Amino acid sequence: EVDVYDTRIDRMLPFDLYKKVIDEVGPHLERMVFYNYGESFLHKDAFKMLKYAKDVNPNVWIWTSTNGHYFDKPEKVAALVDSGINEVQFSVDGATQEVYETYRKRGKLDKVLKAIGDVVNERERRGHLFPWIIWNYILFRWNDSDEELEKARTLARELGVDRLTFTTT
């Protein structure tokens, strides 16, 4: 048996440190991936961080991935659209609750699909080009039936996502 100890002091990147990094490298960035090991939007300053990067370099292309559960309130959806982010990938690995929760334990498909639709609608309501909305569907043996994939295609069209991608494991 091996004991594993958590050695991280800071659980979330402090905004002041983020700001120092962006001040130094931000003007030179072409692309920024805004996530790593977890749900980025749990960070209390996530939207402030995105906006700051865009203020420093309006031309940087910012991309993120999310499970979509965070965007359950209109103000969160508006903050995402206002942040200036270019591309948001929602990871949704099923088109029915039963299949979806096989991988996304305790996940609520209806909540994520509503979030996607709300972001698309808010973007359109404001007449914005961004954020582009990507539905990324990771393929496993339990979610790659013809019926499930066709249902995902139909839902993606109905929601107005910009791109549906299928990723193999």
C-alpha atoms as a PDB file:
ATOM      1  CA  GLU A   1       0.000   0.000   0.000  1.00  0.00           C
ATOM      2  CA  VAL A   2       1.248   3.471  -0.904  1.00  0.00           C
ATOM      3  CA  ASP A   3       0.279   6.688   0.797  1.00  0.00           C
ATOM      4  CA  VAL A   4      -0.166   9.651  -1.519  1.00  0.00           C
ATOM      5  CA  TYR A   5      -0.020  13.126  -0.083  1.00  0.00           C
ATOM      6  CA  ASP A   6      -1.327  16.294  -1.619  1.00  0.00           C
ATOM      7  CA  THR A   7       1.640  18.655  -1.981  1.00  0.00           C
ATOM      8  CA  ARG A   8      -0.093  21.583  -3.679  1.00  0.00           C
ATOM      9  CA  ILE A   9      -0.366  24.665  -1.522  1.00  0.00           C
ATOM     10  CA  ASP A  10      -2.531  26.739  -3.856  1.00  0.00           C
ATOM     11  CA  ARG A  11      -5.569  24.951  -5.212  1.00  0.00           C
ATOM     12  CA  MET A  12      -6.356  27.759  -7.649  1.00  0.00           C
ATOM     13  CA  LEU A  13      -3.991  30.079  -9.496  1.00  0.00           C
ATOM     14  CA  PRO A  14      -4.099  33.434  -7.684  1.00  0.00           C
ATOM     15  CA  PHE A  15      -5.256  36.271  -9.934  1.00  0.00           C
ATOM     16  CA  ASP A  16      -2.197  38.402  -9.093  1.00  0.00           C
ATOM     17  CA  LEU A  17       0.152  35.665 -10.319  1.00  0.00           C
ATOM     18  CA  TYR A  18      -1.985  35.080 -13.420  1.00  0.00           C
ATOM     19  CA  LYS A  19      -1.881  38.816 -14.125  1.00  0.00           C
ATOM     20  CA  LYS A  20       1.936  38.859 -13.872  1.00  0.00           C
ATOM     21  CA  VAL A  21       2.204  35.977 -16.336  1.00  0.00           C
ATOM     22  CA  ILE A  22      -0.250  37.542 -18.794  1.00  0.00           C
ATOM     23  CA  ASP A  23       1.483  40.925 -18.536  1.00  0.00           C
ATOM     24  CA  GLU A  24       4.746  39.231 -19.523  1.00  0.00           C
ATOM     25  CA  VAL A  25       3.665  36.737 -22.185  1.00  0.00           C
ATOM     26  CA  GLY A  26       0.175  37.908 -23.146  1.00  0.00           C
ATOM     27  CA  PRO A  27       1.239  40.407 -25.820  1.00  0.00           C
ATOM     28  CA  HIS A  28       3.106  37.609 -27.618  1.00  0.00           C
ATOM     29  CA  LEU A  29       0.430  34.913 -27.445  1.00  0.00           C
ATOM     30  CA  GLU A  30      -1.411  33.709 -30.503  1.00  0.00           C
ATOM     31  CA  ARG A  31      -3.433  31.034 -28.697  1.00  0.00           C
ATOM     32  CA  MET A  32      -4.274  30.334 -25.083  1.00  0.00           C
ATOM     33  CA  VAL A  33      -5.769  27.111 -23.722  1.00  0.00           C
ATOM     34  CA  PHE A  34      -7.738  28.030 -20.612  1.00  0.00           C
ATOM     35  CA  TYR A  35      -8.026  24.801 -18.651  1.00  0.00           C
ATOM     36  CA  ASN A  36      -5.985  22.082 -17.032  1.00  0.00           C
ATOM     37  CA  TYR A  37      -6.924  19.233 -14.709  1.00  0.00           C
ATOM     38  CA  GLY A  38     -10.427  20.214 -13.755  1.00  0.00           C
ATOM     39  CA  GLU A  39     -13.266  22.584 -14.384  1.00  0.00           C
ATOM     40  CA  SER A  40     -11.796  26.051 -15.019  1.00  0.00           C
ATOM     41  CA  PHE A  41     -15.024  27.861 -14.275  1.00  0.00           C
ATOM     42  CA  LEU A  42     -14.927  26.781 -10.641  1.00  0.00           C
ATOM     43  CA  HIS A  43     -12.193  29.417 -10.244  1.00  0.00           C
ATOM     44  CA  LYS A  44     -13.803  32.510  -8.737  1.00  0.00           C
ATOM     45  CA  ASP A  45     -11.865  34.768 -11.127  1.00  0.00           C
ATOM     46  CA  ALA A  46     -12.260  32.723 -14.330  1.00  0.00           C
ATOM     47  CA  PHE A  47     -14.210  35.361 -16.276  1.00  0.00           C
ATOM     48  CA  LYS A  48     -11.974  38.151 -14.961  1.00  0.00           C
ATOM     49  CA  MET A  49      -8.937  36.121 -16.124  1.00  0.00           C
ATOM     50  CA  LEU A  50     -10.343  35.637 -19.614  1.00  0.00           C
ATOM     51  CA  LYS A  51     -11.218  39.306 -19.954  1.00  0.00           C
ATOM     52  CA  TYR A  52      -7.801  40.361 -18.688  1.00  0.00           C
ATOM     53  CA  ALA A  53      -6.027  38.215 -21.291  1.00  0.00           C
ATOM     54  CA  LYS A  54      -8.189  39.778 -24.031  1.00  0.00           C
ATOM     55  CA  ASP A  55      -7.530  43.282 -22.684  1.00  0.00           C
ATOM     56  CA  VAL A  56      -3.770  42.661 -22.843  1.00  0.00           C
ATOM     57  CA  ASN A  57      -3.959  41.039 -26.293  1.00  0.00           C
ATOM     58  CA  PRO A  58      -7.279  41.361 -28.136  1.00  0.00           C
ATOM     59  CA  ASN A  59      -5.986  39.063 -30.893  1.00  0.00           C
ATOM     60  CA  VAL A  60      -5.188  36.041 -28.727  1.00  0.00           C
ATOM     61  CA  TRP A  61      -7.434  33.077 -29.566  1.00  0.00           C
ATOM     62  CA  ILE A  62      -8.715  31.634 -26.278  1.00  0.00           C
ATOM     63  CA  TRP A  63     -10.092  28.105 -26.116  1.00  0.00           C
ATOM     64  CA  THR A  64     -11.433  26.110 -23.187  1.00  0.00           C
ATOM     65  CA  SER A  65     -13.112  22.846 -22.376  1.00  0.00           C
ATOM     66  CA  THR A  66     -15.888  22.455 -19.833  1.00  0.00           C
ATOM     67  CA  ASN A  67     -18.280  19.822 -18.585  1.00  0.00           C
ATOM     68  CA  GLY A  68     -20.977  22.499 -18.858  1.00  0.00           C
ATOM     69  CA  HIS A  69     -22.489  22.078 -15.408  1.00  0.00           C
ATOM     70  CA  TYR A  70     -21.355  25.506 -14.211  1.00  0.00           C
ATOM     71  CA  PHE A  71     -23.521  27.515 -16.631  1.00  0.00           C
ATOM     72  CA  ASP A  72     -26.785  27.104 -14.757  1.00  0.00           C
ATOM     73  CA  LYS A  73     -27.627  30.783 -14.260  1.00  0.00           C
ATOM     74  CA  PRO A  74     -28.196  33.574 -16.806  1.00  0.00           C
ATOM     75  CA  GLU A  75     -25.458  35.736 -15.268  1.00  0.00           C
ATOM     76  CA  LYS A  76     -22.893  32.960 -15.737  1.00  0.00           C
ATOM     77  CA  VAL A  77     -23.938  32.489 -19.357  1.00  0.00           C
ATOM     78  CA  ALA A  78     -23.724  36.259 -19.942  1.00  0.00           C
ATOM     79  CA  ALA A  79     -20.302  36.398 -18.272  1.00  0.00           C
ATOM     80  CA  LEU A  80     -19.031  33.683 -20.618  1.00  0.00           C
ATOM     81  CA  VAL A  81     -20.260  35.514 -23.709  1.00  0.00           C
ATOM     82  CA  ASP A  82     -18.904  38.832 -22.367  1.00  0.00           C
ATOM     83  CA  SER A  83     -15.494  37.345 -21.517  1.00  0.00           C
ATOM     84  CA  GLY A  84     -14.253  37.510 -25.086  1.00  0.00           C
ATOM     85  CA  ILE A  85     -13.414  33.802 -25.223  1.00  0.00           C
ATOM     86  CA  ASN A  86     -13.312  32.476 -28.773  1.00  0.00           C
ATOM     87  CA  GLU A  87     -14.107  28.801 -28.453  1.00  0.00           C
ATOM     88  CA  VAL A  88     -15.815  26.729 -25.761  1.00  0.00           C
ATOM     89  CA  GLN A  89     -15.795  22.953 -25.984  1.00  0.00           C
ATOM     90  CA  PHE A  90     -18.513  21.197 -24.021  1.00  0.00           C
ATOM     91  CA  SER A  91     -17.587  17.592 -23.226  1.00  0.00           C
ATOM     92  CA  VAL A  92     -20.799  15.604 -23.624  1.00  0.00           C
ATOM     93  CA  ASP A  93     -20.330  11.865 -24.064  1.00  0.00           C
ATOM     94  CA  GLY A  94     -23.855  10.697 -24.679  1.00  0.00           C
ATOM     95  CA  ALA A  95     -27.196  11.830 -26.019  1.00  0.00           C
ATOM     96  CA  THR A  96     -29.335  10.135 -23.362  1.00  0.00           C
ATOM     97  CA  GLN A  97     -28.966  10.403 -19.595  1.00  0.00           C
ATOM     98  CA  GLU A  98     -28.305   6.690 -19.148  1.00  0.00           C
ATOM     99  CA  VAL A  99     -25.413   6.675 -21.613  1.00  0.00           C
ATOM    100  CA  TYR A 100     -24.061  10.091 -20.557  1.00  0.00           C
ATOM    101  CA  GLU A 101     -23.758   9.204 -16.872  1.00  0.00           C
ATOM    102  CA  THR A 102     -21.793   6.041 -17.642  1.00  0.00           C
ATOM    103  CA  TYR A 103     -18.691   8.236 -17.969  1.00  0.00           C
ATOM    104  CA  ARG A 104     -19.857  11.538 -16.435  1.00  0.00           C
ATOM    105  CA  LYS A 105     -20.722  10.204 -12.980  1.00  0.00           C
ATOM    106  CA  ARG A 106     -23.486  12.229 -11.300  1.00  0.00           C
ATOM    107  CA  GLY A 107     -23.645  14.379 -14.442  1.00  0.00           C
ATOM    108  CA  LYS A 108     -26.971  15.737 -15.617  1.00  0.00           C
ATOM    109  CA  LEU A 109     -27.309  15.712 -19.381  1.00  0.00           C
ATOM    110  CA  ASP A 110     -30.368  17.957 -19.423  1.00  0.00           C
ATOM    111  CA  LYS A 111     -28.475  20.592 -17.417  1.00  0.00           C
ATOM    112  CA  VAL A 112     -25.528  20.544 -19.854  1.00  0.00           C
ATOM    113  CA  LEU A 113     -27.729  20.638 -22.957  1.00  0.00           C
ATOM    114  CA  LYS A 114     -29.626  23.594 -21.491  1.00  0.00           C
ATOM    115  CA  ALA A 115     -26.308  25.358 -20.810  1.00  0.00           C
ATOM    116  CA  ILE A 116     -25.187  24.852 -24.401  1.00  0.00           C
ATOM    117  CA  GLY A 117     -28.481  26.187 -25.725  1.00  0.00           C
ATOM    118  CA  ASP A 118     -28.382  29.144 -23.342  1.00  0.00           C
ATOM    119  CA  VAL A 119     -24.855  30.118 -24.437  1.00  0.00           C
ATOM    120  CA  VAL A 120     -25.781  29.836 -28.120  1.00  0.00           C
ATOM    121  CA  ASN A 121     -28.948  31.887 -27.558  1.00  0.00           C
ATOM    122  CA  GLU A 122     -27.117  34.582 -25.568  1.00  0.00           C
ATOM    123  CA  ARG A 123     -24.414  34.841 -28.214  1.00  0.00           C
ATOM    124  CA  GLU A 124     -27.052  35.172 -30.938  1.00  0.00           C
ATOM    125  CA  ARG A 125     -29.166  37.614 -28.927  1.00  0.00           C
ATOM    126  CA  ARG A 126     -26.151  39.894 -28.622  1.00  0.00           C
ATOM    127  CA  GLY A 127     -25.176  39.457 -32.258  1.00  0.00           C
ATOM    128  CA  HIS A 128     -21.723  38.144 -31.332  1.00  0.00           C
ATOM    129  CA  LEU A 129     -19.640  35.829 -33.493  1.00  0.00           C
ATOM    130  CA  PHE A 130     -18.012  34.280 -30.414  1.00  0.00           C
ATOM    131  CA  PRO A 131     -17.795  32.066 -28.540  1.00  0.00           C
ATOM    132  CA  TRP A 132     -17.914  29.241 -31.027  1.00  0.00           C
ATOM    133  CA  ILE A 133     -19.570  26.273 -29.390  1.00  0.00           C
ATOM    134  CA  ILE A 134     -18.115  22.809 -29.851  1.00  0.00           C
ATOM    135  CA  TRP A 135     -19.743  19.612 -28.592  1.00  0.00           C
ATOM    136  CA  ASN A 136     -16.975  17.070 -28.053  1.00  0.00           C
ATOM    137  CA  TYR A 137     -18.195  13.501 -27.761  1.00  0.00           C
ATOM    138  CA  ILE A 138     -15.590  11.015 -26.525  1.00  0.00           C
ATOM    139  CA  LEU A 139     -16.338   7.629 -28.051  1.00  0.00           C
ATOM    140  CA  PHE A 140     -16.440   4.517 -25.863  1.00  0.00           C
ATOM    141  CA  ARG A 141     -17.925   1.109 -26.560  1.00  0.00           C
ATOM    142  CA  TRP A 142     -21.025   1.966 -24.489  1.00  0.00           C
ATOM    143  CA  ASN A 143     -21.854   5.232 -26.291  1.00  0.00           C
ATOM    144  CA  ASP A 144     -21.048   4.626 -29.962  1.00  0.00           C
ATOM    145  CA  SER A 145     -24.239   2.967 -31.193  1.00  0.00           C
ATOM    146  CA  ASP A 146     -25.685   4.327 -34.418  1.00  0.00           C
ATOM    147  CA  GLU A 147     -28.806   5.420 -32.516  1.00  0.00           C
ATOM    148  CA  GLU A 148     -26.902   7.330 -29.823  1.00  0.00           C
ATOM    149  CA  LEU A 149     -24.644   9.079 -32.357  1.00  0.00           C
ATOM    150  CA  GLU A 150     -27.588  10.072 -34.553  1.00  0.00           C
ATOM    151  CA  LYS A 151     -29.392  11.447 -31.508  1.00  0.00           C
ATOM    152  CA  ALA A 152     -26.274  13.492 -30.668  1.00  0.00           C
ATOM    153  CA  ARG A 153     -26.167  14.862 -34.224  1.00  0.00           C
ATOM    154  CA  THR A 154     -29.833  15.827 -34.009  1.00  0.00           C
ATOM    155  CA  LEU A 155     -29.416  17.496 -30.600  1.00  0.00           C
ATOM    156  CA  ALA A 156     -26.344  19.394 -31.791  1.00  0.00           C
ATOM    157  CA  ARG A 157     -28.280  20.775 -34.769  1.00  0.00           C
ATOM    158  CA  GLU A 158     -31.250  21.696 -32.566  1.00  0.00           C
ATOM    159  CA  LEU A 159     -29.021  23.471 -30.048  1.00  0.00           C
ATOM    160  CA  GLY A 160     -27.153  25.397 -32.735  1.00  0.00           C
ATOM    161  CA  VAL A 161     -23.661  24.198 -31.860  1.00  0.00           C
ATOM    162  CA  ASP A 162     -21.010  25.227 -34.344  1.00  0.00           C
ATOM    163  CA  ARG A 163     -19.234  21.885 -34.473  1.00  0.00           C
ATOM    164  CA  LEU A 164     -19.818  18.354 -33.209  1.00  0.00           C
ATOM    165  CA  THR A 165     -16.621  16.346 -32.854  1.00  0.00           C
ATOM    166  CA  PHE A 166     -16.122  12.704 -32.058  1.00  0.00           C
ATOM    167  CA  THR A 167     -12.920  11.785 -30.217  1.00  0.00           C
ATOM    168  CA  THR A 168     -11.596   8.250 -29.987  1.00  0.00           C
ATOM    169  CA  THR A 169     -10.040   6.947 -26.802  1.00  0.00           C
END
